[in-house]
């Protein structure tokens, strides 16, 4: 009996999988202390979080760089 190899599985591009996988990003309230923000970002392994108001609407975003700059001050730019 002749066996033919099965065709390779086609994978969607990484961007399509990342945007459509149903995960929600990290959301932090506006009144979250800075050290708790850093802890939350590290816990989920993210560098970006949405900042929400009292009603849950997104007011903006905070990055890991924003948090570290507030804690230790500005860092020299990479050359």
N, C-alpha and C. Protein backbone atom coordinates (compact mmCIF):
# COMPACT_ATOMS: atom_id res chain seq x y z
N UNK A 1 0.83 -1.16 0.00
CA UNK A 1 0.00 0.00 0.00
C UNK A 1 0.89 1.24 0.00
N UNK A 2 0.55 2.20 -0.82
CA UNK A 2 1.31 3.45 -0.91
C UNK A 2 0.68 4.47 0.02
N UNK A 3 1.52 5.06 0.86
CA UNK A 3 1.03 6.10 1.77
C UNK A 3 1.57 7.45 1.32
N UNK A 4 0.67 8.38 1.21
CA UNK A 4 1.07 9.73 0.84
C UNK A 4 1.14 10.56 2.12
N UNK A 5 2.16 11.40 2.22
CA UNK A 5 2.25 12.24 3.43
C UNK A 5 1.08 13.23 3.46
N UNK A 6 0.62 13.46 4.65
CA UNK A 6 -0.48 14.42 4.79
C UNK A 6 0.06 15.83 4.57
N UNK A 7 -0.75 16.72 4.03
CA UNK A 7 -0.27 18.09 3.78
C UNK A 7 0.01 18.78 5.11
N UNK A 8 0.99 19.66 5.13
CA UNK A 8 1.29 20.38 6.38
C UNK A 8 0.12 21.27 6.78
N UNK A 9 -0.05 21.40 8.08
CA UNK A 9 -1.13 22.26 8.58
C UNK A 9 -0.74 23.71 8.35
N UNK A 10 -1.68 24.46 7.87
CA UNK A 10 -1.42 25.88 7.64
C UNK A 10 -1.79 26.64 8.89
N UNK A 11 -0.90 27.48 9.31
CA UNK A 11 -1.15 28.29 10.50
C UNK A 11 -1.45 29.71 10.09
N UNK A 12 -2.35 30.32 10.84
CA UNK A 12 -2.65 31.72 10.59
C UNK A 12 -1.45 32.56 11.01
N UNK A 13 -1.29 33.74 10.44
CA UNK A 13 -0.19 34.61 10.87
C UNK A 13 -0.30 34.94 12.35
N UNK A 14 0.84 35.19 12.97
CA UNK A 14 0.89 35.47 14.40
C UNK A 14 -0.03 36.62 14.80
N UNK A 15 -0.11 37.66 13.98
CA UNK A 15 -0.94 38.81 14.31
C UNK A 15 -2.41 38.40 14.43
N UNK A 16 -2.85 37.53 13.55
CA UNK A 16 -4.25 37.11 13.59
C UNK A 16 -4.54 36.30 14.85
N UNK A 17 -3.62 35.43 15.23
CA UNK A 17 -3.83 34.64 16.44
C UNK A 17 -3.82 35.52 17.68
N UNK A 18 -2.91 36.50 17.72
CA UNK A 18 -2.79 37.33 18.91
C UNK A 18 -4.00 38.23 19.09
N UNK A 19 -4.53 38.76 18.01
CA UNK A 19 -5.63 39.69 18.16
C UNK A 19 -6.97 38.99 18.32
N UNK A 20 -7.08 37.76 17.87
CA UNK A 20 -8.36 37.09 17.93
C UNK A 20 -8.43 35.95 18.92
N UNK A 21 -7.54 35.90 19.88
CA UNK A 21 -7.54 34.76 20.78
C UNK A 21 -8.46 34.95 21.99
N UNK A 22 -9.14 36.07 22.10
CA UNK A 22 -10.12 36.27 23.15
C UNK A 22 -9.56 36.72 24.49
N UNK A 23 -8.27 36.91 24.61
CA UNK A 23 -7.72 37.37 25.89
C UNK A 23 -7.99 38.84 26.09
N UNK A 24 -8.22 39.21 27.33
CA UNK A 24 -8.38 40.62 27.66
C UNK A 24 -7.08 41.12 28.23
N UNK A 25 -6.80 42.37 27.93
CA UNK A 25 -5.59 42.97 28.46
C UNK A 25 -5.75 43.34 29.93
N UNK A 26 -4.67 43.75 30.54
CA UNK A 26 -4.68 44.16 31.93
C UNK A 26 -5.36 45.51 32.06
N UNK A 27 -6.27 45.62 33.04
CA UNK A 27 -6.96 46.88 33.31
C UNK A 27 -6.70 47.27 34.75
N UNK A 28 -6.32 48.51 34.95
CA UNK A 28 -6.05 49.03 36.29
C UNK A 28 -6.87 50.28 36.52
N UNK A 29 -7.35 50.43 37.75
CA UNK A 29 -8.10 51.64 38.08
C UNK A 29 -7.15 52.83 38.20
N UNK A 30 -7.70 54.00 37.99
CA UNK A 30 -6.92 55.23 38.02
C UNK A 30 -6.25 55.45 39.38
N UNK A 31 -6.88 54.99 40.45
CA UNK A 31 -6.35 55.21 41.79
C UNK A 31 -5.44 54.07 42.29
N UNK A 32 -4.99 53.19 41.39
CA UNK A 32 -4.09 52.10 41.78
C UNK A 32 -2.72 52.67 42.13
N UNK A 33 -2.19 52.34 43.31
CA UNK A 33 -0.85 52.83 43.68
C UNK A 33 0.22 52.33 42.70
N UNK A 34 1.28 53.10 42.60
CA UNK A 34 2.35 52.81 41.65
C UNK A 34 2.99 51.45 41.88
N UNK A 35 3.25 51.08 43.13
CA UNK A 35 3.88 49.79 43.39
C UNK A 35 2.94 48.63 43.04
N UNK A 36 1.63 48.81 43.24
CA UNK A 36 0.68 47.78 42.85
C UNK A 36 0.58 47.67 41.33
N UNK A 37 0.73 48.78 40.65
CA UNK A 37 0.73 48.77 39.18
C UNK A 37 1.92 47.98 38.67
N UNK A 38 3.09 48.22 39.23
CA UNK A 38 4.28 47.48 38.83
C UNK A 38 4.11 45.99 39.11
N UNK A 39 3.58 45.65 40.26
CA UNK A 39 3.38 44.25 40.62
C UNK A 39 2.41 43.57 39.65
N UNK A 40 1.33 44.26 39.29
CA UNK A 40 0.35 43.69 38.37
C UNK A 40 0.94 43.48 36.98
N UNK A 41 1.70 44.45 36.50
CA UNK A 41 2.33 44.32 35.19
C UNK A 41 3.29 43.14 35.16
N UNK A 42 4.08 42.99 36.22
CA UNK A 42 5.03 41.88 36.28
C UNK A 42 4.32 40.54 36.41
N UNK A 43 3.21 40.51 37.14
CA UNK A 43 2.49 39.25 37.37
C UNK A 43 1.93 38.67 36.08
N UNK A 44 1.46 39.54 35.19
CA UNK A 44 0.89 39.04 33.93
C UNK A 44 1.91 39.04 32.80
N UNK A 45 3.11 39.55 33.05
CA UNK A 45 4.15 39.56 32.03
C UNK A 45 3.86 40.54 30.91
N UNK A 46 3.26 41.66 31.25
CA UNK A 46 2.90 42.65 30.24
C UNK A 46 3.64 43.95 30.47
N UNK A 47 3.77 44.74 29.43
CA UNK A 47 4.39 46.06 29.54
C UNK A 47 3.36 47.16 29.30
N UNK A 48 2.08 46.77 29.19
CA UNK A 48 1.04 47.73 28.87
C UNK A 48 -0.23 47.38 29.63
N UNK A 49 -0.90 48.40 30.18
CA UNK A 49 -2.17 48.21 30.86
C UNK A 49 -3.09 49.37 30.54
N UNK A 50 -4.37 49.08 30.45
CA UNK A 50 -5.37 50.12 30.26
C UNK A 50 -5.72 50.71 31.62
N UNK A 51 -5.85 52.01 31.70
CA UNK A 51 -6.22 52.69 32.93
C UNK A 51 -7.70 53.05 32.82
N UNK A 52 -8.49 52.60 33.80
CA UNK A 52 -9.93 52.83 33.75
C UNK A 52 -10.37 53.76 34.86
N UNK A 53 -11.49 54.43 34.62
CA UNK A 53 -12.08 55.31 35.61
C UNK A 53 -13.05 54.55 36.50
N UNK A 54 -13.82 55.28 37.27
CA UNK A 54 -14.76 54.66 38.21
C UNK A 54 -15.85 53.87 37.50
N UNK A 55 -16.25 54.31 36.31
CA UNK A 55 -17.31 53.63 35.58
C UNK A 55 -16.80 52.49 34.71
N UNK A 56 -15.48 52.30 34.65
CA UNK A 56 -14.90 51.22 33.84
C UNK A 56 -14.50 51.64 32.45
N UNK A 57 -14.69 52.89 32.11
CA UNK A 57 -14.28 53.35 30.78
C UNK A 57 -12.77 53.55 30.75
N UNK A 58 -12.18 53.26 29.63
CA UNK A 58 -10.73 53.39 29.48
C UNK A 58 -10.38 54.87 29.34
N UNK A 59 -9.50 55.34 30.23
CA UNK A 59 -9.07 56.73 30.21
C UNK A 59 -7.74 56.91 29.50
N UNK A 60 -6.96 55.84 29.43
CA UNK A 60 -5.65 55.91 28.80
C UNK A 60 -4.89 54.62 29.05
N UNK A 61 -3.60 54.67 28.81
CA UNK A 61 -2.76 53.50 28.98
C UNK A 61 -1.52 53.85 29.78
N UNK A 62 -0.99 52.88 30.48
CA UNK A 62 0.25 53.06 31.22
C UNK A 62 1.20 51.94 30.79
N UNK A 63 2.47 52.28 30.64
CA UNK A 63 3.46 51.30 30.24
C UNK A 63 4.41 51.02 31.41
N UNK A 64 5.13 49.94 31.28
CA UNK A 64 6.14 49.60 32.28
C UNK A 64 7.17 50.72 32.36
N UNK A 65 7.51 51.31 31.23
CA UNK A 65 8.48 52.41 31.21
C UNK A 65 7.96 53.61 32.01
N UNK A 66 6.67 53.91 31.89
CA UNK A 66 6.07 55.01 32.66
C UNK A 66 6.24 54.77 34.16
N UNK A 67 5.96 53.55 34.59
CA UNK A 67 6.03 53.21 36.01
C UNK A 67 7.47 53.31 36.51
N UNK A 68 8.41 52.74 35.75
CA UNK A 68 9.81 52.76 36.17
C UNK A 68 10.37 54.18 36.18
N UNK A 69 9.94 55.02 35.24
CA UNK A 69 10.40 56.40 35.22
C UNK A 69 9.92 57.14 36.46
N UNK A 70 8.71 56.89 36.88
CA UNK A 70 8.19 57.53 38.10
C UNK A 70 8.92 57.04 39.34
N UNK A 71 9.32 55.77 39.36
CA UNK A 71 9.98 55.21 40.53
C UNK A 71 11.45 55.60 40.65
N UNK A 72 12.18 55.54 39.54
CA UNK A 72 13.64 55.75 39.62
C UNK A 72 14.12 56.99 38.87
N UNK A 73 13.23 57.66 38.17
CA UNK A 73 13.63 58.84 37.42
C UNK A 73 13.97 58.48 35.98
N UNK A 74 14.23 59.48 35.17
CA UNK A 74 14.53 59.20 33.76
C UNK A 74 15.83 58.43 33.58
N UNK A 75 15.83 57.58 32.60
CA UNK A 75 17.04 56.80 32.29
C UNK A 75 17.70 57.39 31.05
N UNK A 76 19.01 57.26 30.94
CA UNK A 76 19.68 57.80 29.76
C UNK A 76 19.23 57.07 28.50
N UNK A 77 19.11 57.81 27.42
CA UNK A 77 18.67 57.21 26.15
C UNK A 77 19.76 56.29 25.63
N UNK A 78 19.34 55.22 25.00
CA UNK A 78 20.29 54.27 24.39
C UNK A 78 20.89 54.91 23.15
N UNK A 79 22.18 54.76 22.97
CA UNK A 79 22.84 55.37 21.82
C UNK A 79 22.78 54.49 20.62
